[in-house]
């Protein structure tokens, strides 16, 4: 016999199916709301998973342990000596592990600049220093707690500087080339200022590149040709007295032609009774002319 469902049974089934569909619709709607709320919360305010949180805590604790292994920078004084091992070498210097709490990508290290390795000029630092070298008795020349930086030097401490008034024009002195410029060099003779060696006082002839004759750190003999006690400046020469006299004569002629006064030793008067310019005045004027020429060129451009 064929079974047939009654109208009442069909109605009940329809109601049950409708109820299930409504329940599913409500559940989907709630899910969408939760997702929308979660997306609106900034990532920083969301709760992280337990594993990630533990990982962050672990890294922090490791950093704290590493920091505790370093001595505090406040215990390191400028002028003290320290030893360490070279851990990195760059073109501008070497980084030495000193065990103090310096910061940066090379934490715990200090910079030994190439200019502080020795008095003589170093063209290639890799010729004199490599990773693993042990540095002993390095002098601390700078400590910056804010930046977390330390500077070292292997050069001998300079003797106490004397006032420029301790010398007089004509003195023969030994010095070292401190720095080079296109128009000359500055010579360290132990004074509180370096003496200016103009390029014209090196050989007496024309020089295209002063580095063909002098380099930083070179030891040379010079004599003092001018001192200005008020401005605390001095000029020196590598030439003999006859060559200096010839250059002085040429300089006098040029100064008289262009500026209406000659150049001579400090304090000397000219024929008109006015004070003559010194060697240093001549250099100042020459530099001023160069600066004016450069400004004019920039203005044209």
C-alpha atoms as a PDB file:
ATOM      1  CA  UNK A   1       0.000   0.000   0.000  1.00  0.00           C
ATOM      2  CA  UNK A   2       1.248   3.426  -0.795  1.00  0.00           C
ATOM      3  CA  UNK A   3       1.771   5.660   2.225  1.00  0.00           C
ATOM      4  CA  UNK A   4       0.610   9.229   1.914  1.00  0.00           C
ATOM      5  CA  UNK A   5       1.503  12.040   4.288  1.00  0.00           C
ATOM      6  CA  UNK A   6      -1.232  14.018   5.863  1.00  0.00           C
ATOM      7  CA  UNK A   7      -1.560  17.803   5.341  1.00  0.00           C
ATOM      8  CA  UNK A   8      -0.750  18.303   9.036  1.00  0.00           C
ATOM      9  CA  UNK A   9       2.586  16.432   8.769  1.00  0.00           C
ATOM     10  CA  UNK A  10       3.610  18.469   5.723  1.00  0.00           C
ATOM     11  CA  UNK A  11       2.882  21.678   7.586  1.00  0.00           C
ATOM     12  CA  UNK A  12       5.040  20.598  10.553  1.00  0.00           C
ATOM     13  CA  UNK A  13       7.943  19.776   8.258  1.00  0.00           C
ATOM     14  CA  UNK A  14       7.767  23.167   6.586  1.00  0.00           C
ATOM     15  CA  UNK A  15       7.779  24.943   9.937  1.00  0.00           C
ATOM     16  CA  UNK A  16      10.850  22.959  11.135  1.00  0.00           C
ATOM     17  CA  UNK A  17      12.791  23.733   7.929  1.00  0.00           C
ATOM     18  CA  UNK A  18      11.964  27.442   8.213  1.00  0.00           C
ATOM     19  CA  UNK A  19      13.139  27.485  11.855  1.00  0.00           C
ATOM     20  CA  UNK A  20      16.488  25.890  10.909  1.00  0.00           C
ATOM     21  CA  UNK A  21      17.045  28.414   8.122  1.00  0.00           C
ATOM     22  CA  UNK A  22      16.332  31.319  10.480  1.00  0.00           C
ATOM     23  CA  UNK A  23      18.809  29.883  13.045  1.00  0.00           C
ATOM     24  CA  UNK A  24      21.512  29.565  10.389  1.00  0.00           C
ATOM     25  CA  UNK A  25      20.846  33.118   9.188  1.00  0.00           C
ATOM     26  CA  UNK A  26      21.141  34.508  12.740  1.00  0.00           C
ATOM     27  CA  UNK A  27      24.408  32.601  13.318  1.00  0.00           C
ATOM     28  CA  UNK A  28      25.912  33.911  10.065  1.00  0.00           C
ATOM     29  CA  UNK A  29      24.816  37.453  10.943  1.00  0.00           C
ATOM     30  CA  UNK A  30      26.490  37.236  14.374  1.00  0.00           C
ATOM     31  CA  UNK A  31      29.713  35.951  12.767  1.00  0.00           C
ATOM     32  CA  UNK A  32      29.770  38.875  10.339  1.00  0.00           C
ATOM     33  CA  UNK A  33      29.308  41.353  13.178  1.00  0.00           C
ATOM     34  CA  UNK A  34      32.168  39.800  15.185  1.00  0.00           C
ATOM     35  CA  UNK A  35      34.484  39.944  12.166  1.00  0.00           C
ATOM     36  CA  UNK A  36      33.556  43.570  11.479  1.00  0.00           C
ATOM     37  CA  UNK A  37      34.250  44.549  15.109  1.00  0.00           C
ATOM     38  CA  UNK A  38      37.587  42.661  15.114  1.00  0.00           C
ATOM     39  CA  UNK A  39      38.716  44.406  11.931  1.00  0.00           C
ATOM     40  CA  UNK A  40      37.861  47.821  13.369  1.00  0.00           C
ATOM     41  CA  UNK A  41      40.175  47.238  16.369  1.00  0.00           C
ATOM     42  CA  UNK A  42      43.764  48.479  15.687  1.00  0.00           C
ATOM     43  CA  UNK A  43      46.349  45.632  15.529  1.00  0.00           C
ATOM     44  CA  UNK A  44      48.216  46.977  18.618  1.00  0.00           C
ATOM     45  CA  UNK A  45      45.046  46.671  20.770  1.00  0.00           C
ATOM     46  CA  UNK A  46      44.265  43.092  19.754  1.00  0.00           C
ATOM     47  CA  UNK A  47      45.196  40.366  22.166  1.00  0.00           C
ATOM     48  CA  UNK A  48      48.264  38.442  21.002  1.00  0.00           C
ATOM     49  CA  UNK A  49      48.515  34.727  21.275  1.00  0.00           C
ATOM     50  CA  UNK A  50      50.253  33.220  24.254  1.00  0.00           C
ATOM     51  CA  UNK A  51      53.218  31.887  22.223  1.00  0.00           C
ATOM     52  CA  UNK A  52      53.966  35.289  20.648  1.00  0.00           C
ATOM     53  CA  UNK A  53      53.741  37.023  24.039  1.00  0.00           C
ATOM     54  CA  UNK A  54      56.177  34.537  25.547  1.00  0.00           C
ATOM     55  CA  UNK A  55      58.540  35.089  22.602  1.00  0.00           C
ATOM     56  CA  UNK A  56      58.627  38.876  23.164  1.00  0.00           C
ATOM     57  CA  UNK A  57      59.248  38.388  26.877  1.00  0.00           C
ATOM     58  CA  UNK A  58      62.061  35.958  26.079  1.00  0.00           C
ATOM     59  CA  UNK A  59      63.781  38.462  23.722  1.00  0.00           C
ATOM     60  CA  UNK A  60      63.493  41.255  26.302  1.00  0.00           C
ATOM     61  CA  UNK A  61      65.025  39.107  28.992  1.00  0.00           C
ATOM     62  CA  UNK A  62      67.912  38.181  26.650  1.00  0.00           C
ATOM     63  CA  UNK A  63      68.609  41.884  25.932  1.00  0.00           C
ATOM     64  CA  UNK A  64      68.578  42.657  29.633  1.00  0.00           C
ATOM     65  CA  UNK A  65      71.067  39.853  30.273  1.00  0.00           C
ATOM     66  CA  UNK A  66      73.368  41.166  27.504  1.00  0.00           C
ATOM     67  CA  UNK A  67      73.181  44.723  28.906  1.00  0.00           C
ATOM     68  CA  UNK A  68      74.053  43.478  32.366  1.00  0.00           C
ATOM     69  CA  UNK A  69      77.219  41.894  30.958  1.00  0.00           C
ATOM     70  CA  UNK A  70      78.584  45.344  30.003  1.00  0.00           C
ATOM     71  CA  UNK A  71      80.095  47.787  32.474  1.00  0.00           C
ATOM     72  CA  UNK A  72      78.270  51.156  32.691  1.00  0.00           C
ATOM     73  CA  UNK A  73      79.727  54.015  30.650  1.00  0.00           C
ATOM     74  CA  UNK A  74      79.707  56.288  33.708  1.00  0.00           C
ATOM     75  CA  UNK A  75      82.622  54.209  35.057  1.00  0.00           C
ATOM     76  CA  UNK A  76      84.782  55.009  31.999  1.00  0.00           C
ATOM     77  CA  UNK A  77      86.738  58.274  32.300  1.00  0.00           C
ATOM     78  CA  UNK A  78      88.347  60.316  29.530  1.00  0.00           C
ATOM     79  CA  UNK A  79      92.134  59.958  29.789  1.00  0.00           C
ATOM     80  CA  UNK A  80      92.061  56.437  31.192  1.00  0.00           C
ATOM     81  CA  UNK A  81      93.685  53.528  29.334  1.00  0.00           C
ATOM     82  CA  UNK A  82      91.901  50.397  28.199  1.00  0.00           C
ATOM     83  CA  UNK A  83      92.558  47.182  26.272  1.00  0.00           C
ATOM     84  CA  UNK A  84      90.386  45.182  23.890  1.00  0.00           C
ATOM     85  CA  UNK A  85      90.127  43.114  20.717  1.00  0.00           C
ATOM     86  CA  UNK A  86      89.392  44.402  17.215  1.00  0.00           C
ATOM     87  CA  UNK A  87      86.023  43.005  16.067  1.00  0.00           C
ATOM     88  CA  UNK A  88      85.545  45.024  12.865  1.00  0.00           C
ATOM     89  CA  UNK A  89      87.692  47.119  10.514  1.00  0.00           C
ATOM     90  CA  UNK A  90      86.269  49.861   8.241  1.00  0.00           C
ATOM     91  CA  UNK A  91      87.917  52.398   5.934  1.00  0.00           C
ATOM     92  CA  UNK A  92      87.610  55.098   8.618  1.00  0.00           C
ATOM     93  CA  UNK A  93      88.786  53.078  11.620  1.00  0.00           C
ATOM     94  CA  UNK A  94      88.489  49.949  13.757  1.00  0.00           C
ATOM     95  CA  UNK A  95      85.913  48.895  16.355  1.00  0.00           C
ATOM     96  CA  UNK A  96      87.405  47.487  19.533  1.00  0.00           C
ATOM     97  CA  UNK A  97      85.476  45.353  22.021  1.00  0.00           C
ATOM     98  CA  UNK A  98      85.988  47.104  25.386  1.00  0.00           C
ATOM     99  CA  UNK A  99      83.219  45.533  27.481  1.00  0.00           C
ATOM    100  CA  UNK A 100      81.436  48.797  28.270  1.00  0.00           C
ATOM    101  CA  UNK A 101      77.768  49.526  27.520  1.00  0.00           C
ATOM    102  CA  UNK A 102      78.103  51.367  24.203  1.00  0.00           C
ATOM    103  CA  UNK A 103      75.107  51.287  21.853  1.00  0.00           C
ATOM    104  CA  UNK A 104      74.539  50.773  18.160  1.00  0.00           C
ATOM    105  CA  UNK A 105      75.001  47.828  15.803  1.00  0.00           C
ATOM    106  CA  UNK A 106      78.341  47.065  17.489  1.00  0.00           C
ATOM    107  CA  UNK A 107      77.274  47.232  21.143  1.00  0.00           C
ATOM    108  CA  UNK A 108      80.125  47.032  23.636  1.00  0.00           C
ATOM    109  CA  UNK A 109      82.719  48.446  21.229  1.00  0.00           C
ATOM    110  CA  UNK A 110      84.668  51.720  20.912  1.00  0.00           C
ATOM    111  CA  UNK A 111      85.893  53.455  17.737  1.00  0.00           C
ATOM    112  CA  UNK A 112      89.613  53.733  17.086  1.00  0.00           C
ATOM    113  CA  UNK A 113      89.644  56.260  14.230  1.00  0.00           C
ATOM    114  CA  UNK A 114      92.275  55.830  11.510  1.00  0.00           C
ATOM    115  CA  UNK A 115      93.792  59.223  12.404  1.00  0.00           C
ATOM    116  CA  UNK A 116      94.283  58.054  16.008  1.00  0.00           C
ATOM    117  CA  UNK A 117      96.211  54.851  15.253  1.00  0.00           C
ATOM    118  CA  UNK A 118      99.572  56.556  14.764  1.00  0.00           C
ATOM    119  CA  UNK A 119     101.039  59.965  14.019  1.00  0.00           C
ATOM    120  CA  UNK A 120     102.087  59.078  10.457  1.00  0.00           C
ATOM    121  CA  UNK A 121      99.454  59.102   7.728  1.00  0.00           C
ATOM    122  CA  UNK A 122      97.819  55.721   6.995  1.00  0.00           C
ATOM    123  CA  UNK A 123      96.627  55.230   3.412  1.00  0.00           C
ATOM    124  CA  UNK A 124      95.024  51.815   3.938  1.00  0.00           C
ATOM    125  CA  UNK A 125      93.937  50.777   7.434  1.00  0.00           C
ATOM    126  CA  UNK A 126      93.828  47.103   6.410  1.00  0.00           C
ATOM    127  CA  UNK A 127      97.632  47.209   6.058  1.00  0.00           C
ATOM    128  CA  UNK A 128      98.072  47.928   9.777  1.00  0.00           C
ATOM    129  CA  UNK A 129      95.009  46.415  11.477  1.00  0.00           C
ATOM    130  CA  UNK A 130      92.809  43.323  11.197  1.00  0.00           C
ATOM    131  CA  UNK A 131      90.005  41.580  13.082  1.00  0.00           C
ATOM    132  CA  UNK A 132      91.366  39.707  16.092  1.00  0.00           C
ATOM    133  CA  UNK A 133      94.228  42.130  16.815  1.00  0.00           C
ATOM    134  CA  UNK A 134      94.640  42.817  20.527  1.00  0.00           C
ATOM    135  CA  UNK A 135      94.833  46.523  21.393  1.00  0.00           C
ATOM    136  CA  UNK A 136      96.619  47.334  24.647  1.00  0.00           C
ATOM    137  CA  UNK A 137      96.943  50.643  26.461  1.00  0.00           C
ATOM    138  CA  UNK A 138      94.556  52.584  24.221  1.00  0.00           C
ATOM    139  CA  UNK A 139      93.733  56.025  25.609  1.00  0.00           C
ATOM    140  CA  UNK A 140      90.078  57.026  26.011  1.00  0.00           C
ATOM    141  CA  UNK A 141      89.690  60.408  24.258  1.00  0.00           C
ATOM    142  CA  UNK A 142      85.905  60.693  24.231  1.00  0.00           C
ATOM    143  CA  UNK A 143      82.864  59.331  26.084  1.00  0.00           C
ATOM    144  CA  UNK A 144      79.314  60.274  25.057  1.00  0.00           C
ATOM    145  CA  UNK A 145      76.776  58.644  27.441  1.00  0.00           C
ATOM    146  CA  UNK A 146      73.779  60.072  25.520  1.00  0.00           C
ATOM    147  CA  UNK A 147      74.823  58.544  22.197  1.00  0.00           C
ATOM    148  CA  UNK A 148      76.491  55.563  23.842  1.00  0.00           C
ATOM    149  CA  UNK A 149      79.786  56.156  21.998  1.00  0.00           C
ATOM    150  CA  UNK A 150      83.454  55.926  23.029  1.00  0.00           C
ATOM    151  CA  UNK A 151      86.548  57.109  21.115  1.00  0.00           C
ATOM    152  CA  UNK A 152      90.053  55.661  21.513  1.00  0.00           C
ATOM    153  CA  UNK A 153      93.575  56.712  20.524  1.00  0.00           C
ATOM    154  CA  UNK A 154      96.943  54.954  20.261  1.00  0.00           C
ATOM    155  CA  UNK A 155      98.821  58.192  19.598  1.00  0.00           C
ATOM    156  CA  UNK A 156     101.080  59.597  22.274  1.00  0.00           C
ATOM    157  CA  UNK A 157      99.632  62.439  24.306  1.00  0.00           C
ATOM    158  CA  UNK A 158     100.725  65.825  22.936  1.00  0.00           C
ATOM    159  CA  UNK A 159     102.966  67.960  25.074  1.00  0.00           C
ATOM    160  CA  UNK A 160     101.474  71.018  26.696  1.00  0.00           C
ATOM    161  CA  UNK A 161     101.014  73.775  24.138  1.00  0.00           C
ATOM    162  CA  UNK A 162     103.077  76.964  24.441  1.00  0.00           C
ATOM    163  CA  UNK A 163     101.731  80.417  23.671  1.00  0.00           C
ATOM    164  CA  UNK A 164     102.684  81.798  20.259  1.00  0.00           C
ATOM    165  CA  UNK A 165     104.504  84.634  22.031  1.00  0.00           C
ATOM    166  CA  UNK A 166     107.162  82.097  23.120  1.00  0.00           C
ATOM    167  CA  UNK A 167     108.655  82.297  19.594  1.00  0.00           C
ATOM    168  CA  UNK A 168     110.049  85.154  17.549  1.00  0.00           C
ATOM    169  CA  UNK A 169     110.540  85.856  13.853  1.00  0.00           C
ATOM    170  CA  UNK A 170     113.651  84.070  12.551  1.00  0.00           C
ATOM    171  CA  UNK A 171     113.485  81.081  14.926  1.00  0.00           C
ATOM    172  CA  UNK A 172     114.373  77.753  13.313  1.00  0.00           C
ATOM    173  CA  UNK A 173     111.990  75.027  14.491  1.00  0.00           C
ATOM    174  CA  UNK A 174     111.078  71.394  13.830  1.00  0.00           C
ATOM    175  CA  UNK A 175     107.452  70.637  13.103  1.00  0.00           C
ATOM    176  CA  UNK A 176     104.995  68.144  11.659  1.00  0.00           C
ATOM    177  CA  UNK A 177     102.460  68.682   8.912  1.00  0.00           C
ATOM    178  CA  UNK A 178      99.077  68.758  10.635  1.00  0.00           C
ATOM    179  CA  UNK A 179      96.784  69.412   7.655  1.00  0.00           C
ATOM    180  CA  UNK A 180      96.929  70.317   3.970  1.00  0.00           C
ATOM    181  CA  UNK A 181      94.903  72.852   1.997  1.00  0.00           C
ATOM    182  CA  UNK A 182      95.024  73.910  -1.669  1.00  0.00           C
ATOM    183  CA  UNK A 183      96.943  77.080  -0.721  1.00  0.00           C
ATOM    184  CA  UNK A 184      99.396  75.534   1.752  1.00  0.00           C
ATOM    185  CA  UNK A 185      99.773  73.564   4.968  1.00  0.00           C
ATOM    186  CA  UNK A 186      99.443  74.040   8.706  1.00  0.00           C
ATOM    187  CA  UNK A 187     102.508  73.009  10.693  1.00  0.00           C
ATOM    188  CA  UNK A 188     102.453  71.884  14.322  1.00  0.00           C
ATOM    189  CA  UNK A 189     105.536  73.232  16.088  1.00  0.00           C
ATOM    190  CA  UNK A 190     104.197  72.809  19.637  1.00  0.00           C
ATOM    191  CA  UNK A 191     102.447  76.185  19.840  1.00  0.00           C
ATOM    192  CA  UNK A 192      98.815  76.712  20.808  1.00  0.00           C
ATOM    193  CA  UNK A 193      98.246  77.548  17.133  1.00  0.00           C
ATOM    194  CA  UNK A 194      99.659  75.914  14.010  1.00  0.00           C
ATOM    195  CA  UNK A 195     101.908  77.879  11.693  1.00  0.00           C
ATOM    196  CA  UNK A 196     100.745  78.623   8.149  1.00  0.00           C
ATOM    197  CA  UNK A 197     103.145  77.389   5.476  1.00  0.00           C
ATOM    198  CA  UNK A 198     101.992  79.032   2.260  1.00  0.00           C
ATOM    199  CA  UNK A 199     102.421  76.984  -0.915  1.00  0.00           C
ATOM    200  CA  UNK A 200     104.813  79.630  -2.259  1.00  0.00           C
ATOM    201  CA  UNK A 201     107.146  78.967   0.731  1.00  0.00           C
ATOM    202  CA  UNK A 202     107.609  75.245   0.104  1.00  0.00           C
ATOM    203  CA  UNK A 203     109.989  75.141  -2.885  1.00  0.00           C
ATOM    204  CA  UNK A 204     109.937  78.714  -4.185  1.00  0.00           C
ATOM    205  CA  UNK A 205     108.615  77.498  -7.542  1.00  0.00           C
ATOM    206  CA  UNK A 206     105.151  76.825  -8.916  1.00  0.00           C
ATOM    207  CA  UNK A 207     103.374  73.854  -7.291  1.00  0.00           C
ATOM    208  CA  UNK A 208     100.292  72.318  -8.883  1.00  0.00           C
ATOM    209  CA  UNK A 209      99.589  69.809  -6.095  1.00  0.00           C
ATOM    210  CA  UNK A 210     101.042  70.322  -2.640  1.00  0.00           C
ATOM    211  CA  UNK A 211     100.647  66.597  -1.890  1.00  0.00           C
ATOM    212  CA  UNK A 212     103.454  65.909  -4.332  1.00  0.00           C
ATOM    213  CA  UNK A 213     105.742  67.573  -1.766  1.00  0.00           C
ATOM    214  CA  UNK A 214     104.066  67.214   1.658  1.00  0.00           C
ATOM    215  CA  UNK A 215     101.677  64.889   3.438  1.00  0.00           C
ATOM    216  CA  UNK A 216     100.062  64.845   6.880  1.00  0.00           C
ATOM    217  CA  UNK A 217     102.489  63.585   9.512  1.00  0.00           C
ATOM    218  CA  UNK A 218     105.663  64.580   7.616  1.00  0.00           C
ATOM    219  CA  UNK A 219     108.444  65.982   9.826  1.00  0.00           C
ATOM    220  CA  UNK A 220     109.950  69.170   8.389  1.00  0.00           C
ATOM    221  CA  UNK A 221     112.277  72.029   9.364  1.00  0.00           C
ATOM    222  CA  UNK A 222     110.884  75.551   9.047  1.00  0.00           C
ATOM    223  CA  UNK A 223     111.675  79.037  10.246  1.00  0.00           C
ATOM    224  CA  UNK A 224     109.194  81.620  11.474  1.00  0.00           C
ATOM    225  CA  UNK A 225     108.685  84.559   9.126  1.00  0.00           C
ATOM    226  CA  UNK A 226     105.733  86.289  10.786  1.00  0.00           C
ATOM    227  CA  UNK A 227     103.904  86.340  14.138  1.00  0.00           C
ATOM    228  CA  UNK A 228     100.731  88.230  15.000  1.00  0.00           C
ATOM    229  CA  UNK A 229     100.390  88.257  18.778  1.00  0.00           C
ATOM    230  CA  UNK A 230      96.961  89.912  18.745  1.00  0.00           C
ATOM    231  CA  UNK A 231      95.373  87.429  16.373  1.00  0.00           C
ATOM    232  CA  UNK A 232      97.441  84.513  17.717  1.00  0.00           C
ATOM    233  CA  UNK A 233      98.657  83.477  14.266  1.00  0.00           C
ATOM    234  CA  UNK A 234     102.042  82.741  12.697  1.00  0.00           C
ATOM    235  CA  UNK A 235     103.544  82.070   9.287  1.00  0.00           C
ATOM    236  CA  UNK A 236     106.500  79.775   8.554  1.00  0.00           C
ATOM    237  CA  UNK A 237     108.703  78.994   5.562  1.00  0.00           C
ATOM    238  CA  UNK A 238     110.826  76.101   4.257  1.00  0.00           C
ATOM    239  CA  UNK A 239     112.928  78.408   2.047  1.00  0.00           C
ATOM    240  CA  UNK A 240     116.303  79.926   2.818  1.00  0.00           C
ATOM    241  CA  UNK A 241     116.550  83.609   3.753  1.00  0.00           C
ATOM    242  CA  UNK A 242     117.541  84.791   0.275  1.00  0.00           C
ATOM    243  CA  UNK A 243     114.530  83.083  -1.310  1.00  0.00           C
ATOM    244  CA  UNK A 244     112.281  84.535   1.391  1.00  0.00           C
ATOM    245  CA  UNK A 245     113.662  88.019   0.763  1.00  0.00           C
ATOM    246  CA  UNK A 246     112.982  87.644  -2.967  1.00  0.00           C
ATOM    247  CA  UNK A 247     109.391  86.537  -2.292  1.00  0.00           C
ATOM    248  CA  UNK A 248     108.920  89.362   0.207  1.00  0.00           C
ATOM    249  CA  UNK A 249     110.041  91.851  -2.447  1.00  0.00           C
ATOM    250  CA  UNK A 250     107.581  90.448  -4.987  1.00  0.00           C
ATOM    251  CA  UNK A 251     104.836  90.460  -2.385  1.00  0.00           C
ATOM    252  CA  UNK A 252     105.593  94.088  -1.471  1.00  0.00           C
ATOM    253  CA  UNK A 253     105.289  95.076  -5.108  1.00  0.00           C
ATOM    254  CA  UNK A 254     101.977  93.267  -5.508  1.00  0.00           C
ATOM    255  CA  UNK A 255     100.529  94.670  -2.283  1.00  0.00           C
ATOM    256  CA  UNK A 256     101.591  98.188  -3.266  1.00  0.00           C
ATOM    257  CA  UNK A 257     100.163  97.802  -6.770  1.00  0.00           C
ATOM    258  CA  UNK A 258      96.781  96.388  -5.768  1.00  0.00           C
ATOM    259  CA  UNK A 259      96.234  97.629  -2.214  1.00  0.00           C
ATOM    260  CA  UNK A 260      98.452 100.719  -1.952  1.00  0.00           C
ATOM    261  CA  UNK A 261     100.714  99.357   0.800  1.00  0.00           C
ATOM    262  CA  UNK A 262     103.644  97.002   1.073  1.00  0.00           C
ATOM    263  CA  UNK A 263     104.221  93.965   3.280  1.00  0.00           C
ATOM    264  CA  UNK A 264     106.906  93.651   5.897  1.00  0.00           C
ATOM    265  CA  UNK A 265     107.661  92.386   9.345  1.00  0.00           C
ATOM    266  CA  UNK A 266     105.102  93.091  12.060  1.00  0.00           C
ATOM    267  CA  UNK A 267     105.364  96.637  13.378  1.00  0.00           C
ATOM    268  CA  UNK A 268     107.427  98.064  10.492  1.00  0.00           C
ATOM    269  CA  UNK A 269     106.316 101.354   8.904  1.00  0.00           C
ATOM    270  CA  UNK A 270     106.381 102.302   5.264  1.00  0.00           C
ATOM    271  CA  UNK A 271     107.750 105.412   3.584  1.00  0.00           C
ATOM    272  CA  UNK A 272     104.451 107.230   4.156  1.00  0.00           C
ATOM    273  CA  UNK A 273     104.618 106.526   7.911  1.00  0.00           C
ATOM    274  CA  UNK A 274     101.669 104.134   7.855  1.00  0.00           C
ATOM    275  CA  UNK A 275     101.857 100.568   9.161  1.00  0.00           C
ATOM    276  CA  UNK A 276     102.681  98.028   6.480  1.00  0.00           C
ATOM    277  CA  UNK A 277     100.758  94.775   6.129  1.00  0.00           C
ATOM    278  CA  UNK A 278     102.306  91.554   7.380  1.00  0.00           C
ATOM    279  CA  UNK A 279     102.753  88.254   5.612  1.00  0.00           C
ATOM    280  CA  UNK A 280      99.564  87.047   7.271  1.00  0.00           C
ATOM    281  CA  UNK A 281      97.652  90.074   5.984  1.00  0.00           C
ATOM    282  CA  UNK A 282      98.731  89.133   2.486  1.00  0.00           C
ATOM    283  CA  UNK A 283      97.440  85.586   2.903  1.00  0.00           C
ATOM    284  CA  UNK A 284      94.172  86.870   4.347  1.00  0.00           C
ATOM    285  CA  UNK A 285      93.716  89.185   1.395  1.00  0.00           C
ATOM    286  CA  UNK A 286      94.502  86.391  -1.090  1.00  0.00           C
ATOM    287  CA  UNK A 287      91.955  84.093   0.552  1.00  0.00           C
ATOM    288  CA  UNK A 288      89.354  86.900   0.562  1.00  0.00           C
ATOM    289  CA  UNK A 289      89.908  87.416  -3.169  1.00  0.00           C
ATOM    290  CA  UNK A 290      89.407  83.685  -3.773  1.00  0.00           C
ATOM    291  CA  UNK A 291      86.147  83.671  -1.768  1.00  0.00           C
ATOM    292  CA  UNK A 292      84.875  86.749  -3.656  1.00  0.00           C
ATOM    293  CA  UNK A 293      85.698  85.099  -6.994  1.00  0.00           C
ATOM    294  CA  UNK A 294      83.791  81.955  -6.002  1.00  0.00           C
ATOM    295  CA  UNK A 295      80.767  84.017  -4.906  1.00  0.00           C
ATOM    296  CA  UNK A 296      80.793  85.913  -8.213  1.00  0.00           C
ATOM    297  CA  UNK A 297      80.913  82.614 -10.100  1.00  0.00           C
ATOM    298  CA  UNK A 298      77.954  81.246  -8.136  1.00  0.00           C
ATOM    299  CA  UNK A 299      76.024  84.454  -8.847  1.00  0.00           C
ATOM    300  CA  UNK A 300      76.616  84.087 -12.597  1.00  0.00           C
ATOM    301  CA  UNK A 301      75.360  80.486 -12.499  1.00  0.00           C
END
